[in-house]
Amino acid sequence: IINRGADWFSQTGTETSKGTMIFSLVGKINNTGLVEVPMGITLRELIYEVGGGIADQKQFKAVQTGGPSGGCIPAHLLDLPVDYEHLTEAGSIMGSGGMIVMDEHTCMVDIARYFLEFLKEESCGKCTPCREGIKLMLHILTEISEGRGKLADLDVLESLAWMVKNVSLCGLGQTAPNPVLSTLRYFRDEYEAHIVDKKCPAHVCRALISYYIIPDKCPGCGLCLRDCPQGAISGEKKELHVIDQELCTHCGICYDVCNLDAIQVE
């Protein structure tokens, strides 16, 4: 840029977002790292051509742009041009150039809760909307992820998020609700599954998943019984084992150690 000048740099990109942008491309993607791409490249080109597609041949679910206070953009918007205007319209930001790719095993309720946990610590505390609003949003998300949510919470959560966004004094408070607003906008059915069905579709929220041993697949090898830290699994060697749902803490160790796919997650 120094050698060739601003006019040369402006030849790349779009009419309103000129030049290139460096993204930190991470998450469930084959090629991670820092990438420099022209403004206006689509998310699909960036994720599949530059990033090499989703790791382990999983299904793309969403991508969060802009860092912790960015929004989560769903699969049906993969052809969205990456520039300031289009990302803002989609409920996200360009931000610091962060780009986190998520696959089918990502829970959008949990991801919103995760980013608000971080943003709560980042708030300076000067203005009440940001300081208290983030705490309240985080509390509601925690209640939902632990199976204590109510459908009315979604309207409260959305209203609270818009209040924090519109009234906070600085950019952190104004963008902190983006993970909440975008996941409510694009993945509301996932929130409803947590509340109505008491299930986490992605099998991430520990309070909302259960592990069962499939009778036809269990040879009674004892691996799960041996490694269960709660002693929640019983059964004789070479006989069907059973998980005591009262003792089970949903840690998932049994699922990880079973090499016969005999553990079912619901």
Protein backbone atom coordinates (compact mmCIF):
# COMPACT_ATOMS: atom_id res chain seq x y z
CA ILE A 1 0.00 0.00 0.00
CA ILE A 2 2.86 2.37 0.84
CA ASN A 3 4.59 1.66 -2.48
CA ARG A 4 1.50 1.65 -4.71
CA GLY A 5 -0.89 4.02 -2.97
CA ALA A 6 -4.50 4.13 -1.85
CA ASP A 7 -5.97 4.18 -5.36
CA TRP A 8 -4.29 0.86 -6.16
CA PHE A 9 -5.55 -0.68 -2.92
CA SER A 10 -9.08 0.61 -3.58
CA GLN A 11 -9.26 -1.29 -6.86
CA THR A 12 -9.90 -4.40 -4.76
CA GLY A 13 -13.13 -4.94 -2.85
CA THR A 14 -16.56 -3.38 -3.29
CA GLU A 15 -17.79 0.13 -3.94
CA THR A 16 -18.41 0.81 -0.24
CA SER A 17 -15.93 -1.61 1.37
CA LYS A 18 -12.67 -1.26 -0.49
CA GLY A 19 -9.47 -3.24 -0.24
CA THR A 20 -8.81 -6.49 1.59
CA MET A 21 -9.43 -7.82 5.09
CA ILE A 22 -7.45 -10.23 7.23
CA PHE A 23 -9.56 -12.84 9.03
CA SER A 24 -8.65 -15.29 11.74
CA LEU A 25 -10.35 -18.37 10.30
CA VAL A 26 -10.85 -20.94 13.07
CA GLY A 27 -13.31 -23.51 14.38
CA LYS A 28 -14.68 -26.59 12.67
CA ILE A 29 -12.82 -26.04 9.43
CA ASN A 30 -10.02 -27.86 7.62
CA ASN A 31 -7.67 -24.93 6.97
CA THR A 32 -7.33 -22.66 9.99
CA GLY A 33 -5.17 -19.56 10.22
CA LEU A 34 -4.91 -15.93 9.16
CA VAL A 35 -6.19 -15.28 5.64
CA GLU A 36 -6.23 -12.09 3.61
CA VAL A 37 -9.13 -11.87 1.17
CA PRO A 38 -10.76 -9.15 -0.93
CA MET A 39 -13.78 -7.39 0.50
CA GLY A 40 -16.95 -8.74 -1.08
CA ILE A 41 -15.85 -12.38 -1.13
CA THR A 42 -18.77 -14.59 -0.11
CA LEU A 43 -18.85 -16.62 3.06
CA ARG A 44 -19.12 -19.75 0.93
CA GLU A 45 -15.93 -18.93 -0.99
CA LEU A 46 -14.10 -18.05 2.20
CA ILE A 47 -15.15 -21.17 4.11
CA TYR A 48 -15.07 -23.77 1.35
CA GLU A 49 -12.44 -22.54 -1.11
CA VAL A 50 -10.02 -20.79 1.22
CA GLY A 51 -10.84 -22.75 4.37
CA GLY A 52 -11.16 -26.13 2.68
CA GLY A 53 -14.64 -26.86 4.00
CA ILE A 54 -15.94 -28.25 7.27
CA ALA A 55 -13.67 -30.59 9.22
CA ASP A 56 -14.44 -34.33 9.35
CA GLN A 57 -17.02 -33.91 6.57
CA LYS A 58 -19.55 -32.51 9.02
CA GLN A 59 -22.42 -30.23 8.05
CA PHE A 60 -21.94 -26.45 8.19
CA LYS A 61 -24.25 -24.81 10.70
CA ALA A 62 -23.16 -21.23 11.29
CA VAL A 63 -20.24 -18.83 11.28
CA GLN A 64 -19.64 -16.05 13.76
CA THR A 65 -17.84 -13.00 12.42
CA GLY A 66 -16.26 -10.08 14.20
CA GLY A 67 -15.08 -11.59 17.48
CA PRO A 68 -17.03 -12.34 20.68
CA SER A 69 -19.61 -9.60 20.04
CA GLY A 70 -20.31 -10.69 16.48
CA GLY A 71 -23.44 -12.40 15.25
CA CYS A 72 -23.90 -15.99 14.11
CA ILE A 73 -24.78 -16.30 10.43
CA PRO A 74 -26.64 -19.48 9.30
CA ALA A 75 -26.17 -21.80 6.32
CA HIS A 76 -28.83 -20.20 4.13
CA LEU A 77 -26.75 -17.01 4.06
CA LEU A 78 -23.53 -18.65 2.87
CA ASP A 79 -23.61 -16.58 -0.32
CA LEU A 80 -23.59 -13.35 1.68
CA PRO A 81 -20.81 -10.97 0.55
CA VAL A 82 -18.33 -10.26 3.32
CA ASP A 83 -18.35 -6.49 3.67
CA TYR A 84 -19.40 -4.02 6.34
CA GLU A 85 -22.90 -3.42 5.02
CA HIS A 86 -23.97 -7.01 4.40
CA LEU A 87 -22.60 -8.29 7.72
CA THR A 88 -24.46 -5.54 9.57
CA GLU A 89 -27.70 -6.36 7.74
CA ALA A 90 -27.28 -10.01 8.75
CA GLY A 91 -26.94 -9.04 12.41
CA SER A 92 -23.19 -9.32 12.73
CA ILE A 93 -20.12 -7.09 12.43
CA MET A 94 -16.74 -7.01 10.71
CA GLY A 95 -15.17 -6.28 14.07
CA SER A 96 -11.66 -7.54 14.66
CA GLY A 97 -11.77 -10.01 11.79
CA GLY A 98 -12.59 -13.09 13.82
CA MET A 99 -14.39 -15.87 11.96
CA ILE A 100 -15.45 -18.96 13.90
CA VAL A 101 -16.96 -21.78 11.83
CA MET A 102 -19.47 -24.08 13.56
CA ASP A 103 -20.76 -27.49 12.53
CA GLU A 104 -23.87 -29.51 13.31
CA HIS A 105 -22.58 -30.38 16.79
CA THR A 106 -22.56 -26.76 17.95
CA CYS A 107 -25.39 -25.69 20.26
CA MET A 108 -26.44 -22.12 19.44
CA VAL A 109 -27.88 -21.51 22.90
CA ASP A 110 -24.62 -22.62 24.46
CA ILE A 111 -22.53 -20.55 22.04
CA ALA A 112 -24.50 -17.40 22.89
CA ARG A 113 -24.06 -18.16 26.59
CA TYR A 114 -20.32 -18.76 26.07
CA PHE A 115 -19.74 -15.38 24.41
CA LEU A 116 -21.82 -13.49 26.96
CA GLU A 117 -19.75 -15.10 29.72
CA PHE A 118 -16.68 -13.53 28.12
CA LEU A 119 -18.36 -10.16 27.46
CA LYS A 120 -19.58 -9.92 31.05
CA GLU A 121 -15.96 -9.87 32.19
CA GLU A 122 -14.99 -7.36 29.49
CA SER A 123 -17.62 -4.79 30.48
CA CYS A 124 -16.02 -1.83 32.29
CA GLY A 125 -19.17 -1.44 34.37
CA LYS A 126 -19.59 2.29 33.81
CA CYS A 127 -23.07 2.16 32.29
CA THR A 128 -25.91 0.19 33.81
CA PRO A 129 -27.42 -1.22 30.57
CA CYS A 130 -24.20 -3.01 29.65
CA ARG A 131 -23.09 -3.96 33.16
CA GLU A 132 -26.43 -5.32 34.38
CA GLY A 133 -27.99 -6.17 31.01
CA ILE A 134 -25.26 -8.64 30.04
CA LYS A 135 -25.56 -10.30 33.46
CA LEU A 136 -29.33 -10.66 33.06
CA MET A 137 -29.05 -12.04 29.52
CA LEU A 138 -26.43 -14.51 30.71
CA HIS A 139 -28.70 -15.60 33.57
CA ILE A 140 -31.60 -16.28 31.20
CA LEU A 141 -29.37 -18.23 28.79
CA THR A 142 -28.02 -20.30 31.68
CA GLU A 143 -31.54 -21.08 32.85
CA ILE A 144 -32.49 -22.21 29.33
CA SER A 145 -29.38 -24.34 28.86
CA GLU A 146 -29.95 -26.05 32.21
CA GLY A 147 -33.60 -26.90 31.51
CA ARG A 148 -35.28 -24.24 33.62
CA GLY A 149 -36.28 -21.90 30.80
CA LYS A 150 -39.78 -20.77 29.87
CA LEU A 151 -41.07 -19.65 26.48
CA ALA A 152 -41.75 -16.20 27.92
CA ASP A 153 -38.01 -15.91 28.56
CA LEU A 154 -37.38 -15.57 24.83
CA ASP A 155 -39.37 -12.34 24.54
CA VAL A 156 -37.71 -10.98 27.68
CA LEU A 157 -34.29 -11.96 26.35
CA GLU A 158 -34.86 -10.30 22.98
CA SER A 159 -36.29 -7.13 24.53
CA LEU A 160 -33.39 -6.94 26.97
CA ALA A 161 -30.86 -7.46 24.18
CA TRP A 162 -32.28 -4.59 22.13
CA MET A 163 -32.30 -2.34 25.18
CA VAL A 164 -28.62 -3.05 25.89
CA LYS A 165 -27.76 -2.51 22.21
CA ASN A 166 -29.61 0.80 21.92
CA VAL A 167 -28.78 2.40 25.27
CA SER A 168 -25.21 1.34 26.13
CA LEU A 169 -22.60 4.08 26.00
CA CYS A 170 -19.80 2.36 24.08
CA GLY A 171 -19.23 -0.11 21.29
CA LEU A 172 -18.85 -3.10 23.58
CA GLY A 173 -22.30 -2.72 25.08
CA GLN A 174 -23.81 -1.83 21.72
CA THR A 175 -22.52 -5.01 20.07
CA ALA A 176 -22.56 -7.43 23.04
CA PRO A 177 -26.18 -8.52 22.32
CA ASN A 178 -25.32 -9.64 18.78
CA PRO A 179 -24.71 -13.32 19.70
CA VAL A 180 -28.11 -13.38 21.42
CA LEU A 181 -30.08 -11.49 18.78
CA SER A 182 -28.62 -13.41 15.84
CA THR A 183 -29.16 -16.85 17.39
CA LEU A 184 -32.72 -15.90 18.35
CA ARG A 185 -33.26 -14.66 14.80
CA TYR A 186 -31.88 -17.66 12.96
CA PHE A 187 -32.04 -20.53 15.48
CA ARG A 188 -35.14 -19.82 17.55
CA ASP A 189 -36.31 -23.42 17.09
CA GLU A 190 -33.20 -24.54 18.97
CA TYR A 191 -34.10 -22.31 21.91
CA GLU A 192 -37.64 -23.71 21.86
CA ALA A 193 -36.32 -27.28 21.88
CA HIS A 194 -34.38 -26.50 25.05
CA ILE A 195 -37.46 -25.01 26.69
CA VAL A 196 -40.38 -27.09 25.45
CA ASP A 197 -38.79 -30.49 24.82
CA LYS A 198 -36.06 -30.12 27.46
CA LYS A 199 -33.61 -31.36 24.82
CA CYS A 200 -30.42 -29.97 23.38
CA PRO A 201 -30.52 -30.96 19.67
CA ALA A 202 -26.73 -30.68 19.37
CA HIS A 203 -26.21 -32.80 22.51
CA VAL A 204 -24.04 -30.14 24.17
CA CYS A 205 -25.97 -28.85 27.20
CA ARG A 206 -25.26 -31.51 29.82
CA ALA A 207 -28.44 -30.95 31.84
CA LEU A 208 -30.56 -31.73 28.77
CA ILE A 209 -28.94 -34.89 27.44
CA SER A 210 -29.11 -38.50 28.59
CA TYR A 211 -26.96 -41.52 27.81
CA TYR A 212 -28.40 -44.99 27.29
CA ILE A 213 -26.82 -48.33 26.46
CA ILE A 214 -28.25 -50.01 23.36
CA PRO A 215 -29.04 -53.64 24.34
CA ASP A 216 -28.37 -55.11 20.88
CA LYS A 217 -24.91 -53.54 20.69
CA CYS A 218 -23.57 -53.97 24.24
CA PRO A 219 -21.27 -57.02 24.60
CA GLY A 220 -20.64 -56.33 28.27
CA CYS A 221 -16.96 -55.47 27.76
CA GLY A 222 -16.90 -53.28 30.86
CA LEU A 223 -15.05 -50.28 29.43
CA CYS A 224 -17.81 -47.83 30.27
CA LEU A 225 -18.33 -49.36 33.72
CA ARG A 226 -14.62 -49.08 34.48
CA ASP A 227 -14.27 -45.45 33.41
CA CYS A 228 -17.53 -44.00 34.80
CA PRO A 229 -16.44 -41.58 37.56
CA GLN A 230 -19.84 -41.72 39.30
CA GLY A 231 -20.27 -45.48 39.39
CA ALA A 232 -23.51 -44.99 37.49
CA ILE A 233 -23.06 -48.05 35.25
CA SER A 234 -23.73 -51.61 36.40
CA GLY A 235 -23.59 -55.02 34.77
CA GLU A 236 -21.69 -58.29 34.78
CA LYS A 237 -18.91 -59.04 32.33
CA LYS A 238 -20.23 -60.19 28.92
CA GLU A 239 -23.75 -59.17 29.96
CA LEU A 240 -25.82 -56.08 29.20
CA HIS A 241 -24.79 -53.01 31.16
CA VAL A 242 -27.22 -50.31 32.36
CA ILE A 243 -26.78 -46.62 33.17
CA ASP A 244 -28.49 -45.40 36.34
CA GLN A 245 -30.04 -42.09 35.29
CA GLU A 246 -30.21 -40.88 38.89
CA LEU A 247 -26.45 -41.23 39.36
CA CYS A 248 -25.41 -40.16 35.84
CA THR A 249 -23.91 -36.65 35.64
CA HIS A 250 -23.97 -36.61 31.80
CA CYS A 251 -20.20 -36.25 31.56
CA GLY A 252 -20.05 -38.30 28.35
CA ILE A 253 -17.05 -40.42 29.31
CA CYS A 254 -18.95 -43.65 28.61
CA TYR A 255 -19.81 -42.38 25.13
CA ASP A 256 -16.18 -41.50 24.44
CA VAL A 257 -14.68 -44.81 25.58
CA CYS A 258 -17.22 -47.11 23.91
CA ASN A 259 -15.71 -48.31 20.62
CA LEU A 260 -18.79 -50.28 19.57
CA ASP A 261 -21.27 -47.39 19.29
CA ALA A 262 -23.32 -49.00 22.02
CA ILE A 263 -23.98 -45.72 23.85
CA GLN A 264 -26.92 -43.65 22.61
CA VAL A 265 -27.28 -39.93 23.32
CA GLU A 266 -30.75 -38.43 23.60
